Amino acid sequence: MNGIEAIGYLGTVLTVAASAMSTMIPLRIVALMASVAVITYGFLIGSMPVVLTEAIQIPFNAFRLYQMVRLVRDAERAADGDLSLDWLKPFGQGRRFRAGETLFREGEPATELFYVESGLFRIPEHAIAVGPGAIVGELGMLSPGNLRTGSLVCVADGSARCIAYSEVRQLYYQNPEFGFYFLKLTSERLFQSARRQGPGQGAGQVAGQGRVPAGTGML
């Protein structure tokens, strides 16, 4: 076996290895290596169809690899709580609210969540204030019967984007970055509720918790 044949066999081995992989990032990397080996082999034997076929595949695999690496990076940012949700704005309808206005009440049917842009809102049942950058109302989509688990009242004039649950479901399936953030958000709210209901957690302690960090919500 000469060197040219060795390069050809290397390309074959890498191609088979890529096909056998189940994790996408290693698969794309090995596929790119296989394409390079096969292109080299094609040049050496003078087979342009082989070269052309692999040359076409390289941009696709490189782009998919870039997407997966970016997705992993975005998921890590979401896990650290450093995820901007400004891109959600086009999916919602902007509404303004005045101080004293009730956006929804506990027990009402829930059909949308709110992304707070300005002002100050309050969840009276839990004595929690919600400010700009917060998502409120996501638990209504998960609660039995899709009912609100609390009320939301406007404390200081402000605005929010109202995003229908149908849009949220589409975003969840189409945008893994948002899906990861949404799972993290809802799990945090459920853990907070469990802690409030745990031993030694009285109503006075709940009222003293104050404001939740931007980007968190409930109901």
N, C-alpha and C. Protein backbone atom coordinates (compact mmCIF):
# COMPACT_ATOMS: atom_id res chain seq x y z
N MET A 1 0.85 -1.20 0.00
CA MET A 1 0.00 0.00 0.00
C MET A 1 0.88 1.25 0.00
N ASN A 2 0.68 2.12 -0.99
CA ASN A 2 1.46 3.35 -1.06
C ASN A 2 0.79 4.48 -0.29
N GLY A 3 1.44 5.64 -0.29
CA GLY A 3 0.93 6.76 0.48
C GLY A 3 -0.41 7.27 0.00
N ILE A 4 -0.64 7.25 -1.32
CA ILE A 4 -1.92 7.73 -1.86
C ILE A 4 -3.06 6.86 -1.39
N GLU A 5 -2.86 5.53 -1.44
CA GLU A 5 -3.90 4.61 -0.97
C GLU A 5 -4.16 4.80 0.52
N ALA A 6 -3.10 5.06 1.28
CA ALA A 6 -3.25 5.27 2.73
C ALA A 6 -4.14 6.48 3.01
N ILE A 7 -3.96 7.54 2.24
CA ILE A 7 -4.81 8.72 2.42
C ILE A 7 -6.26 8.39 2.08
N GLY A 8 -6.46 7.60 1.02
CA GLY A 8 -7.82 7.20 0.65
C GLY A 8 -8.48 6.37 1.72
N TYR A 9 -7.74 5.40 2.27
CA TYR A 9 -8.29 4.58 3.35
C TYR A 9 -8.57 5.41 4.60
N LEU A 10 -7.71 6.39 4.86
CA LEU A 10 -7.94 7.28 6.01
C LEU A 10 -9.26 8.03 5.85
N GLY A 11 -9.49 8.53 4.64
CA GLY A 11 -10.76 9.22 4.38
C GLY A 11 -11.95 8.31 4.57
N THR A 12 -11.81 7.05 4.15
CA THR A 12 -12.91 6.09 4.32
C THR A 12 -13.18 5.82 5.79
N VAL A 13 -12.10 5.59 6.55
CA VAL A 13 -12.25 5.32 7.98
C VAL A 13 -12.91 6.50 8.70
N LEU A 14 -12.48 7.71 8.39
CA LEU A 14 -13.06 8.89 9.03
C LEU A 14 -14.53 9.08 8.65
N THR A 15 -14.87 8.79 7.40
CA THR A 15 -16.26 8.90 6.95
C THR A 15 -17.15 7.92 7.70
N VAL A 16 -16.69 6.68 7.83
CA VAL A 16 -17.46 5.67 8.57
C VAL A 16 -17.58 6.06 10.04
N ALA A 17 -16.48 6.55 10.62
CA ALA A 17 -16.50 6.96 12.02
C ALA A 17 -17.50 8.09 12.25
N ALA A 18 -17.53 9.06 11.33
CA ALA A 18 -18.48 10.17 11.47
C ALA A 18 -19.92 9.67 11.41
N SER A 19 -20.17 8.72 10.52
CA SER A 19 -21.54 8.18 10.39
C SER A 19 -21.97 7.43 11.63
N ALA A 20 -21.01 6.87 12.37
CA ALA A 20 -21.34 6.07 13.56
C ALA A 20 -21.51 6.92 14.81
N MET A 21 -21.14 8.19 14.75
CA MET A 21 -21.20 9.04 15.94
C MET A 21 -22.62 9.56 16.18
N SER A 22 -22.95 9.74 17.47
CA SER A 22 -24.28 10.25 17.83
C SER A 22 -24.24 11.68 18.34
N THR A 23 -23.08 12.14 18.81
CA THR A 23 -22.97 13.52 19.30
C THR A 23 -22.52 14.42 18.15
N MET A 24 -23.21 15.57 18.00
CA MET A 24 -23.09 16.35 16.78
C MET A 24 -21.75 17.06 16.61
N ILE A 25 -21.19 17.63 17.67
CA ILE A 25 -19.95 18.38 17.50
C ILE A 25 -18.79 17.47 17.07
N PRO A 26 -18.53 16.34 17.77
CA PRO A 26 -17.49 15.44 17.28
C PRO A 26 -17.78 14.91 15.87
N LEU A 27 -19.07 14.66 15.58
CA LEU A 27 -19.44 14.16 14.26
C LEU A 27 -19.03 15.15 13.17
N ARG A 28 -19.34 16.43 13.37
CA ARG A 28 -19.01 17.44 12.37
C ARG A 28 -17.49 17.60 12.22
N ILE A 29 -16.77 17.55 13.32
CA ILE A 29 -15.31 17.69 13.26
C ILE A 29 -14.70 16.54 12.46
N VAL A 30 -15.12 15.32 12.77
CA VAL A 30 -14.58 14.15 12.06
C VAL A 30 -15.00 14.18 10.59
N ALA A 31 -16.23 14.64 10.31
CA ALA A 31 -16.69 14.74 8.92
C ALA A 31 -15.83 15.72 8.13
N LEU A 32 -15.46 16.82 8.76
CA LEU A 32 -14.58 17.79 8.10
C LEU A 32 -13.20 17.18 7.82
N MET A 33 -12.68 16.44 8.79
CA MET A 33 -11.39 15.78 8.60
C MET A 33 -11.47 14.76 7.47
N ALA A 34 -12.60 14.04 7.42
CA ALA A 34 -12.78 13.05 6.35
C ALA A 34 -12.81 13.72 4.99
N SER A 35 -13.50 14.86 4.90
CA SER A 35 -13.57 15.58 3.63
C SER A 35 -12.19 16.04 3.16
N VAL A 36 -11.39 16.54 4.10
CA VAL A 36 -10.04 16.98 3.75
C VAL A 36 -9.22 15.80 3.21
N ALA A 37 -9.32 14.66 3.89
CA ALA A 37 -8.56 13.47 3.45
C ALA A 37 -9.02 13.00 2.08
N VAL A 38 -10.34 12.98 1.86
CA VAL A 38 -10.86 12.51 0.57
C VAL A 38 -10.53 13.49 -0.55
N ILE A 39 -10.58 14.79 -0.26
CA ILE A 39 -10.20 15.79 -1.28
C ILE A 39 -8.74 15.62 -1.67
N THR A 40 -7.89 15.41 -0.67
CA THR A 40 -6.47 15.18 -0.95
C THR A 40 -6.28 13.95 -1.83
N TYR A 41 -7.00 12.89 -1.48
CA TYR A 41 -6.93 11.66 -2.28
C TYR A 41 -7.43 11.90 -3.70
N GLY A 42 -8.52 12.65 -3.82
CA GLY A 42 -9.07 12.93 -5.15
C GLY A 42 -8.12 13.72 -6.02
N PHE A 43 -7.44 14.69 -5.44
CA PHE A 43 -6.45 15.45 -6.20
C PHE A 43 -5.31 14.55 -6.67
N LEU A 44 -4.85 13.69 -5.77
CA LEU A 44 -3.69 12.84 -6.09
C LEU A 44 -4.00 11.83 -7.18
N ILE A 45 -5.26 11.36 -7.24
CA ILE A 45 -5.60 10.38 -8.29
C ILE A 45 -6.24 11.06 -9.50
N GLY A 46 -6.45 12.38 -9.40
CA GLY A 46 -7.00 13.12 -10.53
C GLY A 46 -8.49 12.92 -10.73
N SER A 47 -9.25 12.67 -9.65
CA SER A 47 -10.70 12.47 -9.74
C SER A 47 -11.42 13.73 -9.26
N MET A 48 -11.83 14.57 -10.21
CA MET A 48 -12.49 15.81 -9.84
C MET A 48 -13.89 15.60 -9.25
N PRO A 49 -14.68 14.59 -9.69
CA PRO A 49 -15.97 14.37 -9.04
C PRO A 49 -15.84 14.11 -7.54
N VAL A 50 -14.81 13.36 -7.15
CA VAL A 50 -14.58 13.10 -5.72
C VAL A 50 -14.25 14.40 -5.00
N VAL A 51 -13.38 15.20 -5.60
CA VAL A 51 -12.99 16.48 -5.00
C VAL A 51 -14.20 17.40 -4.88
N LEU A 52 -15.00 17.49 -5.95
CA LEU A 52 -16.15 18.38 -5.95
C LEU A 52 -17.18 17.97 -4.90
N THR A 53 -17.44 16.67 -4.79
CA THR A 53 -18.43 16.19 -3.81
C THR A 53 -18.04 16.58 -2.39
N GLU A 54 -16.80 16.37 -2.04
CA GLU A 54 -16.35 16.68 -0.68
C GLU A 54 -16.24 18.19 -0.46
N ALA A 55 -15.85 18.92 -1.51
CA ALA A 55 -15.74 20.38 -1.38
C ALA A 55 -17.10 21.01 -1.12
N ILE A 56 -18.14 20.42 -1.67
CA ILE A 56 -19.50 20.92 -1.42
C ILE A 56 -19.92 20.65 0.02
N GLN A 57 -19.51 19.50 0.57
CA GLN A 57 -19.93 19.13 1.92
C GLN A 57 -19.24 19.95 3.00
N ILE A 58 -18.03 20.41 2.74
CA ILE A 58 -17.26 21.13 3.77
C ILE A 58 -17.99 22.37 4.29
N PRO A 59 -18.52 23.26 3.45
CA PRO A 59 -19.22 24.45 3.99
C PRO A 59 -20.42 24.08 4.86
N PHE A 60 -21.17 23.04 4.46
CA PHE A 60 -22.33 22.64 5.24
C PHE A 60 -21.92 22.14 6.62
N ASN A 61 -20.93 21.26 6.65
CA ASN A 61 -20.47 20.74 7.94
C ASN A 61 -19.85 21.82 8.81
N ALA A 62 -19.11 22.74 8.18
CA ALA A 62 -18.49 23.82 8.94
C ALA A 62 -19.55 24.74 9.54
N PHE A 63 -20.60 25.03 8.78
CA PHE A 63 -21.66 25.90 9.28
C PHE A 63 -22.42 25.23 10.41
N ARG A 64 -22.73 23.95 10.26
CA ARG A 64 -23.43 23.22 11.33
C ARG A 64 -22.57 23.14 12.59
N LEU A 65 -21.28 22.96 12.41
CA LEU A 65 -20.38 22.94 13.57
C LEU A 65 -20.40 24.28 14.28
N TYR A 66 -20.35 25.36 13.52
CA TYR A 66 -20.42 26.71 14.10
C TYR A 66 -21.73 26.90 14.87
N GLN A 67 -22.84 26.44 14.32
CA GLN A 67 -24.13 26.57 15.00
C GLN A 67 -24.14 25.82 16.32
N MET A 68 -23.59 24.60 16.32
CA MET A 68 -23.60 23.81 17.54
C MET A 68 -22.70 24.41 18.61
N VAL A 69 -21.53 24.90 18.21
CA VAL A 69 -20.63 25.53 19.18
C VAL A 69 -21.27 26.78 19.76
N ARG A 70 -21.93 27.56 18.91
CA ARG A 70 -22.60 28.76 19.39
C ARG A 70 -23.75 28.40 20.34
N LEU A 71 -24.47 27.33 20.02
CA LEU A 71 -25.57 26.89 20.87
C LEU A 71 -25.06 26.50 22.25
N VAL A 72 -23.95 25.77 22.30
CA VAL A 72 -23.38 25.37 23.59
C VAL A 72 -22.97 26.60 24.38
N ARG A 73 -22.36 27.57 23.71
CA ARG A 73 -21.94 28.80 24.38
C ARG A 73 -23.15 29.57 24.92
N ASP A 74 -24.22 29.66 24.12
CA ASP A 74 -25.42 30.37 24.56
C ASP A 74 -26.08 29.65 25.73
N ALA A 75 -26.06 28.31 25.70
CA ALA A 75 -26.64 27.55 26.80
C ALA A 75 -25.86 27.79 28.09
N GLU A 76 -24.54 27.89 27.98
CA GLU A 76 -23.72 28.18 29.16
C GLU A 76 -24.02 29.57 29.70
N ARG A 77 -24.22 30.53 28.80
CA ARG A 77 -24.58 31.88 29.23
C ARG A 77 -25.93 31.87 29.93
N ALA A 78 -26.87 31.10 29.38
CA ALA A 78 -28.19 31.01 30.00
C ALA A 78 -28.09 30.40 31.39
N ALA A 79 -27.23 29.39 31.54
CA ALA A 79 -27.07 28.75 32.84
C ALA A 79 -26.47 29.70 33.86
N ASP A 80 -25.66 30.65 33.39
CA ASP A 80 -25.06 31.64 34.28
C ASP A 80 -25.98 32.82 34.54
N GLY A 81 -27.17 32.81 33.93
CA GLY A 81 -28.11 33.90 34.12
C GLY A 81 -27.74 35.16 33.38
N ASP A 82 -26.88 35.04 32.36
CA ASP A 82 -26.40 36.21 31.63
C ASP A 82 -26.97 36.20 30.22
N LEU A 83 -28.27 36.02 30.09
CA LEU A 83 -28.90 35.88 28.78
C LEU A 83 -29.84 37.05 28.54
N SER A 84 -29.58 37.82 27.48
CA SER A 84 -30.46 38.92 27.11
C SER A 84 -31.66 38.37 26.34
N LEU A 85 -32.84 38.82 26.70
CA LEU A 85 -34.05 38.39 26.03
C LEU A 85 -34.67 39.51 25.21
N ASP A 86 -33.88 40.50 24.82
CA ASP A 86 -34.41 41.59 24.02
C ASP A 86 -34.96 41.09 22.69
N TRP A 87 -34.41 39.99 22.18
CA TRP A 87 -34.88 39.47 20.90
C TRP A 87 -36.31 38.94 20.97
N LEU A 88 -36.86 38.81 22.20
CA LEU A 88 -38.24 38.37 22.35
C LEU A 88 -39.24 39.44 21.94
N LYS A 89 -38.82 40.69 21.93
CA LYS A 89 -39.75 41.80 21.71
C LYS A 89 -40.59 41.67 20.44
N PRO A 90 -40.01 41.28 19.30
CA PRO A 90 -40.83 41.19 18.08
C PRO A 90 -41.95 40.16 18.16
N PHE A 91 -41.85 39.22 19.11
CA PHE A 91 -42.85 38.17 19.21
C PHE A 91 -44.02 38.56 20.11
N GLY A 92 -43.93 39.71 20.76
CA GLY A 92 -44.99 40.14 21.68
C GLY A 92 -45.63 41.44 21.26
N GLN A 93 -46.77 41.70 21.84
CA GLN A 93 -47.49 42.95 21.58
C GLN A 93 -47.25 43.89 22.75
N GLY A 94 -46.76 45.08 22.46
CA GLY A 94 -46.48 46.05 23.51
C GLY A 94 -47.74 46.64 24.11
N ARG A 95 -47.76 46.74 25.43
CA ARG A 95 -48.89 47.35 26.14
C ARG A 95 -48.36 48.22 27.27
N ARG A 96 -49.07 49.31 27.53
CA ARG A 96 -48.71 50.19 28.64
C ARG A 96 -49.71 50.00 29.78
N PHE A 97 -49.20 50.13 31.00
CA PHE A 97 -50.04 49.94 32.18
C PHE A 97 -49.84 51.10 33.14
N ARG A 98 -50.92 51.46 33.83
CA ARG A 98 -50.86 52.55 34.80
C ARG A 98 -50.85 52.01 36.22
N ALA A 99 -50.28 52.77 37.12
CA ALA A 99 -50.22 52.36 38.53
C ALA A 99 -51.61 52.03 39.05
N GLY A 100 -51.72 50.90 39.74
CA GLY A 100 -52.99 50.45 40.29
C GLY A 100 -53.74 49.50 39.39
N GLU A 101 -53.31 49.37 38.15
CA GLU A 101 -54.00 48.48 37.21
C GLU A 101 -53.61 47.03 37.47
N THR A 102 -54.60 46.13 37.46
CA THR A 102 -54.36 44.70 37.65
C THR A 102 -54.29 44.01 36.30
N LEU A 103 -53.16 43.39 36.03
CA LEU A 103 -52.99 42.73 34.74
C LEU A 103 -53.75 41.41 34.69
N PHE A 104 -53.70 40.65 35.79
CA PHE A 104 -54.49 39.43 35.91
C PHE A 104 -54.58 39.06 37.38
N ARG A 105 -55.55 38.18 37.68
CA ARG A 105 -55.79 37.77 39.06
C ARG A 105 -55.60 36.27 39.22
N GLU A 106 -55.30 35.88 40.44
CA GLU A 106 -55.13 34.46 40.75
C GLU A 106 -56.39 33.68 40.40
N GLY A 107 -56.21 32.54 39.73
CA GLY A 107 -57.33 31.68 39.37
C GLY A 107 -57.90 31.95 37.99
N GLU A 108 -57.51 33.06 37.36
CA GLU A 108 -58.00 33.36 36.02
C GLU A 108 -57.31 32.47 34.99
N PRO A 109 -57.98 32.22 33.84
CA PRO A 109 -57.32 31.46 32.77
C PRO A 109 -56.08 32.19 32.27
N ALA A 110 -55.01 31.46 32.03
CA ALA A 110 -53.75 32.06 31.58
C ALA A 110 -53.53 31.74 30.11
N THR A 111 -53.28 32.78 29.32
CA THR A 111 -53.07 32.59 27.88
C THR A 111 -51.80 33.25 27.38
N GLU A 112 -51.10 34.02 28.23
CA GLU A 112 -49.91 34.74 27.77
C GLU A 112 -48.98 35.03 28.94
N LEU A 113 -47.72 35.28 28.61
CA LEU A 113 -46.77 35.75 29.62
C LEU A 113 -46.36 37.18 29.28
N PHE A 114 -45.67 37.82 30.21
CA PHE A 114 -45.32 39.23 30.07
C PHE A 114 -43.81 39.40 30.21
N TYR A 115 -43.23 40.15 29.29
CA TYR A 115 -41.82 40.54 29.37
C TYR A 115 -41.79 42.02 29.72
N VAL A 116 -41.39 42.33 30.96
CA VAL A 116 -41.45 43.71 31.47
C VAL A 116 -40.35 44.55 30.83
N GLU A 117 -40.76 45.68 30.25
CA GLU A 117 -39.81 46.60 29.62
C GLU A 117 -39.50 47.81 30.51
N SER A 118 -40.50 48.29 31.23
CA SER A 118 -40.29 49.46 32.09
C SER A 118 -41.33 49.45 33.20
N GLY A 119 -41.12 50.31 34.20
CA GLY A 119 -42.07 50.40 35.31
C GLY A 119 -41.79 49.39 36.40
N LEU A 120 -42.76 49.23 37.28
CA LEU A 120 -42.64 48.30 38.40
C LEU A 120 -43.97 47.61 38.63
N PHE A 121 -43.92 46.30 38.81
CA PHE A 121 -45.11 45.49 39.01
C PHE A 121 -44.94 44.68 40.30
N ARG A 122 -46.05 44.19 40.82
CA ARG A 122 -46.01 43.49 42.11
C ARG A 122 -46.90 42.26 42.08
N ILE A 123 -46.41 41.21 42.73
CA ILE A 123 -47.19 39.99 42.93
C ILE A 123 -47.65 40.01 44.38
N PRO A 124 -48.86 40.47 44.67
CA PRO A 124 -49.28 40.70 46.05
C PRO A 124 -49.30 39.44 46.91
N GLU A 125 -49.64 38.29 46.32
CA GLU A 125 -49.72 37.06 47.12
C GLU A 125 -48.37 36.68 47.72
N HIS A 126 -47.29 37.09 47.08
CA HIS A 126 -45.96 36.70 47.54
C HIS A 126 -45.09 37.89 47.90
N ALA A 127 -45.67 39.10 47.84
CA ALA A 127 -44.94 40.33 48.18
C ALA A 127 -43.64 40.43 47.40
N ILE A 128 -43.72 40.17 46.10
CA ILE A 128 -42.55 40.23 45.22
C ILE A 128 -42.75 41.33 44.20
N ALA A 129 -41.73 42.17 44.04
CA ALA A 129 -41.75 43.22 43.02
C ALA A 129 -41.00 42.75 41.79
N VAL A 130 -41.49 43.13 40.62
CA VAL A 130 -40.91 42.70 39.36
C VAL A 130 -40.60 43.93 38.51
N GLY A 131 -39.36 44.03 38.04
CA GLY A 131 -38.94 45.19 37.28
C GLY A 131 -38.55 44.86 35.86
N PRO A 132 -37.97 45.83 35.14
CA PRO A 132 -37.58 45.64 33.74
C PRO A 132 -36.64 44.46 33.54
N GLY A 133 -36.87 43.73 32.45
CA GLY A 133 -36.06 42.56 32.13
C GLY A 133 -36.61 41.27 32.68
N ALA A 134 -37.70 41.34 33.44
CA ALA A 134 -38.27 40.14 34.06
C ALA A 134 -39.34 39.53 33.17
N ILE A 135 -39.46 38.22 33.25
CA ILE A 135 -40.56 37.50 32.62
C ILE A 135 -41.54 37.09 33.70
N VAL A 136 -42.81 37.36 33.48
CA VAL A 136 -43.85 37.04 34.45
C VAL A 136 -44.98 36.30 33.73
N GLY A 137 -45.49 35.25 34.36
CA GLY A 137 -46.65 34.57 33.82
C GLY A 137 -46.36 33.25 33.16
N GLU A 138 -45.11 32.77 33.25
CA GLU A 138 -44.76 31.53 32.55
C GLU A 138 -45.35 30.29 33.21
N LEU A 139 -45.57 30.35 34.55
CA LEU A 139 -46.09 29.16 35.23
C LEU A 139 -47.54 28.87 34.88
N GLY A 140 -48.26 29.89 34.43
CA GLY A 140 -49.65 29.66 34.02
C GLY A 140 -49.75 28.68 32.87
N MET A 141 -48.72 28.62 32.05
CA MET A 141 -48.72 27.69 30.92
C MET A 141 -48.54 26.25 31.38
N LEU A 142 -47.94 26.08 32.57
CA LEU A 142 -47.63 24.74 33.08
C LEU A 142 -48.58 24.28 34.17
N SER A 143 -49.36 25.21 34.73
CA SER A 143 -50.23 24.86 35.85
C SER A 143 -51.43 24.04 35.38
N PRO A 144 -52.01 23.20 36.25
CA PRO A 144 -53.19 22.43 35.88
C PRO A 144 -54.33 23.34 35.44
N GLY A 145 -54.88 23.08 34.27
CA GLY A 145 -55.97 23.89 33.77
C GLY A 145 -55.53 25.24 33.22
N ASN A 146 -54.23 25.48 33.17
CA ASN A 146 -53.69 26.77 32.69
C ASN A 146 -54.32 27.94 33.42
N LEU A 147 -54.30 27.86 34.77
CA LEU A 147 -54.85 28.94 35.60
C LEU A 147 -53.71 29.71 36.25
N ARG A 148 -53.94 30.99 36.47
CA ARG A 148 -52.95 31.83 37.13
C ARG A 148 -52.74 31.38 38.57
N THR A 149 -51.49 31.34 38.99
CA THR A 149 -51.18 30.94 40.36
C THR A 149 -51.01 32.15 41.28
N GLY A 150 -51.19 33.34 40.74
CA GLY A 150 -51.10 34.56 41.53
C GLY A 150 -51.58 35.74 40.71
N SER A 151 -51.59 36.91 41.31
CA SER A 151 -52.03 38.13 40.63
C SER A 151 -50.83 39.00 40.28
N LEU A 152 -51.03 39.92 39.35
CA LEU A 152 -49.98 40.86 38.98
C LEU A 152 -50.58 42.26 38.89
N VAL A 153 -50.02 43.18 39.67
CA VAL A 153 -50.53 44.55 39.76
C VAL A 153 -49.43 45.52 39.37
N CYS A 154 -49.79 46.55 38.62
CA CYS A 154 -48.84 47.59 38.23
C CYS A 154 -48.69 48.57 39.39
N VAL A 155 -47.46 48.77 39.85
CA VAL A 155 -47.17 49.67 40.97
C VAL A 155 -46.76 51.05 40.46
N ALA A 156 -45.93 51.08 39.42
CA ALA A 156 -45.50 52.34 38.79
C ALA A 156 -45.71 52.21 37.29
N ASP A 157 -46.21 53.28 36.67
CA ASP A 157 -46.50 53.24 35.23
C ASP A 157 -45.36 52.57 34.47
N GLY A 158 -45.73 51.68 33.56
CA GLY A 158 -44.72 50.96 32.81
C GLY A 158 -45.30 50.29 31.59
N SER A 159 -44.47 49.48 30.94
CA SER A 159 -44.89 48.77 29.74
C SER A 159 -44.35 47.34 29.77
N ALA A 160 -45.01 46.48 29.02
CA ALA A 160 -44.59 45.08 28.93
C ALA A 160 -45.00 44.52 27.58
N ARG A 161 -44.27 43.51 27.14
CA ARG A 161 -44.61 42.79 25.94
C ARG A 161 -45.43 41.56 26.32
N CYS A 162 -46.60 41.44 25.72
CA CYS A 162 -47.48 40.30 25.99
C CYS A 162 -47.25 39.24 24.91
N ILE A 163 -46.81 38.08 25.32
CA ILE A 163 -46.46 37.02 24.38
C ILE A 163 -47.38 35.82 24.61
N ALA A 164 -48.17 35.47 23.60
CA ALA A 164 -49.12 34.38 23.73
C ALA A 164 -48.39 33.05 23.95
N TYR A 165 -49.03 32.16 24.71
CA TYR A 165 -48.42 30.86 24.97
C TYR A 165 -48.16 30.08 23.68
N SER A 166 -49.00 30.28 22.66
CA SER A 166 -48.77 29.60 21.39
C SER A 166 -47.43 30.01 20.79
N GLU A 167 -47.09 31.30 20.93
CA GLU A 167 -45.79 31.79 20.46
C GLU A 167 -44.65 31.22 21.31
N VAL A 168 -44.89 31.13 22.62
CA VAL A 168 -43.87 30.60 23.53
C VAL A 168 -43.55 29.16 23.17
N ARG A 169 -44.58 28.37 22.87
CA ARG A 169 -44.35 26.97 22.51
C ARG A 169 -43.50 26.86 21.24
N GLN A 170 -43.81 27.69 20.26
CA GLN A 170 -43.02 27.66 19.02
C GLN A 170 -41.57 28.06 19.29
N LEU A 171 -41.38 29.10 20.10
CA LEU A 171 -40.02 29.53 20.43
C LEU A 171 -39.27 28.43 21.17
N TYR A 172 -39.98 27.73 22.04
CA TYR A 172 -39.35 26.66 22.82
C TYR A 172 -38.78 25.58 21.91
N TYR A 173 -39.55 25.20 20.90
CA TYR A 173 -39.11 24.13 20.01
C TYR A 173 -38.12 24.61 18.95
N GLN A 174 -38.23 25.87 18.54
CA GLN A 174 -37.40 26.38 17.45
C GLN A 174 -36.10 27.00 17.92
N ASN A 175 -36.06 27.48 19.15
CA ASN A 175 -34.88 28.18 19.65
C ASN A 175 -34.38 27.50 20.92
N PRO A 176 -33.40 26.62 20.81
CA PRO A 176 -32.91 25.90 21.99
C PRO A 176 -32.39 26.83 23.08
N GLU A 177 -31.86 28.00 22.69
CA GLU A 177 -31.38 28.96 23.68
C GLU A 177 -32.52 29.40 24.59
N PHE A 178 -33.66 29.75 23.98
CA PHE A 178 -34.81 30.14 24.77
C PHE A 178 -35.37 28.96 25.55
N GLY A 179 -35.38 27.78 24.92
CA GLY A 179 -35.89 26.59 25.60
C GLY A 179 -35.12 26.30 26.87
N PHE A 180 -33.80 26.40 26.80
CA PHE A 180 -32.97 26.16 27.99
C PHE A 180 -33.26 27.21 29.05
N TYR A 181 -33.35 28.48 28.62
CA TYR A 181 -33.62 29.55 29.57
C TYR A 181 -34.99 29.35 30.22
N PHE A 182 -35.99 28.96 29.43
CA PHE A 182 -37.34 28.79 29.96
C PHE A 182 -37.37 27.67 30.99
N LEU A 183 -36.69 26.57 30.73
CA LEU A 183 -36.62 25.47 31.70
C LEU A 183 -35.96 25.94 32.99
N LYS A 184 -34.87 26.68 32.85
CA LYS A 184 -34.17 27.18 34.03
C LYS A 184 -35.06 28.14 34.81
N LEU A 185 -35.75 29.01 34.10
CA LEU A 185 -36.62 29.99 34.74
C LEU A 185 -37.74 29.33 35.53
N THR A 186 -38.45 28.40 34.89
CA THR A 186 -39.57 27.75 35.57
C THR A 186 -39.11 26.90 36.74
N SER A 187 -37.97 26.22 36.60
CA SER A 187 -37.48 25.41 37.71
C SER A 187 -37.09 26.29 38.89
N GLU A 188 -36.50 27.45 38.63
CA GLU A 188 -36.16 28.37 39.71
C GLU A 188 -37.41 28.83 40.45
N ARG A 189 -38.46 29.14 39.71
CA ARG A 189 -39.70 29.61 40.35
C ARG A 189 -40.32 28.50 41.20
N LEU A 190 -40.28 27.26 40.70
CA LEU A 190 -40.84 26.15 41.46
C LEU A 190 -40.04 25.90 42.74
N PHE A 191 -38.72 25.99 42.66
CA PHE A 191 -37.89 25.82 43.85
C PHE A 191 -38.14 26.94 44.85
N GLN A 192 -38.32 28.17 44.36
CA GLN A 192 -38.61 29.28 45.26
C GLN A 192 -39.94 29.07 45.97
N SER A 193 -40.94 28.60 45.23
CA SER A 193 -42.24 28.33 45.84
C SER A 193 -42.13 27.24 46.90
N ALA A 194 -41.33 26.20 46.60
CA ALA A 194 -41.16 25.11 47.56
C ALA A 194 -40.48 25.61 48.83
N ARG A 195 -39.48 26.48 48.68
CA ARG A 195 -38.79 27.01 49.86
C ARG A 195 -39.72 27.87 50.70
N ARG A 196 -40.59 28.64 50.04
CA ARG A 196 -41.52 29.49 50.80
C ARG A 196 -42.50 28.65 51.60
N GLN A 197 -42.83 27.45 51.08
CA GLN A 197 -43.79 26.60 51.76
C GLN A 197 -43.13 25.66 52.75
N GLY A 198 -41.80 25.69 52.83
CA GLY A 198 -41.08 24.78 53.70
C GLY A 198 -41.17 25.19 55.15
N PRO A 199 -40.59 24.37 56.05
CA PRO A 199 -40.63 24.66 57.49
C PRO A 199 -39.96 26.00 57.79
N GLY A 200 -40.59 26.77 58.63
CA GLY A 200 -40.01 28.02 59.09
C GLY A 200 -40.18 29.17 58.14
N GLN A 201 -40.90 28.96 57.04
CA GLN A 201 -41.09 30.02 56.07
C GLN A 201 -42.45 30.66 56.30
N GLY A 202 -42.49 31.70 57.08
CA GLY A 202 -43.75 32.37 57.37
C GLY A 202 -44.04 33.45 56.38
N ALA A 203 -45.26 34.01 56.50
CA ALA A 203 -45.70 35.03 55.57
C ALA A 203 -44.84 36.27 55.68
N GLY A 204 -44.40 36.61 56.91
CA GLY A 204 -43.58 37.79 57.08
C GLY A 204 -42.25 37.67 56.37
N GLN A 205 -41.68 36.45 56.36
CA GLN A 205 -40.41 36.25 55.69
C GLN A 205 -40.56 36.39 54.18
N VAL A 206 -41.67 35.90 53.67
CA VAL A 206 -41.91 36.03 52.24
C VAL A 206 -42.01 37.49 51.87
N ALA A 207 -42.74 38.28 52.66
CA ALA A 207 -42.92 39.69 52.36
C ALA A 207 -41.62 40.44 52.39
N GLY A 208 -40.65 39.95 53.15
CA GLY A 208 -39.39 40.66 53.26
C GLY A 208 -38.38 40.29 52.20
N GLN A 209 -38.75 39.39 51.27
CA GLN A 209 -37.79 38.96 50.28
C GLN A 209 -37.48 40.05 49.28
N GLY A 210 -38.42 40.92 49.07
CA GLY A 210 -38.18 42.05 48.16
C GLY A 210 -38.21 41.63 46.71
N ARG A 211 -37.32 42.21 45.95
CA ARG A 211 -37.38 42.13 44.51
C ARG A 211 -36.60 40.94 43.96
N VAL A 212 -37.16 40.31 42.94
CA VAL A 212 -36.47 39.20 42.29
C VAL A 212 -35.52 39.75 41.25
N PRO A 213 -34.46 39.00 40.91
CA PRO A 213 -33.50 39.47 39.91
C PRO A 213 -34.16 39.63 38.55
N ALA A 214 -33.62 40.53 37.74
CA ALA A 214 -34.12 40.71 36.38
C ALA A 214 -33.99 39.42 35.62
N GLY A 215 -35.03 39.11 34.83
CA GLY A 215 -34.99 37.90 34.04
C GLY A 215 -35.70 36.74 34.70
N THR A 216 -36.27 36.96 35.90
CA THR A 216 -37.03 35.90 36.54
C THR A 216 -38.47 36.32 36.66
N GLY A 217 -39.33 35.33 36.80
CA GLY A 217 -40.75 35.64 36.89
C GLY A 217 -41.50 34.47 37.46
N MET A 218 -42.82 34.54 37.45
CA MET A 218 -43.63 33.45 37.94
C MET A 218 -45.05 33.65 37.45
N LEU A 219 -45.97 32.92 38.01
CA LEU A 219 -47.39 32.99 37.70
C LEU A 219 -47.68 32.32 36.38
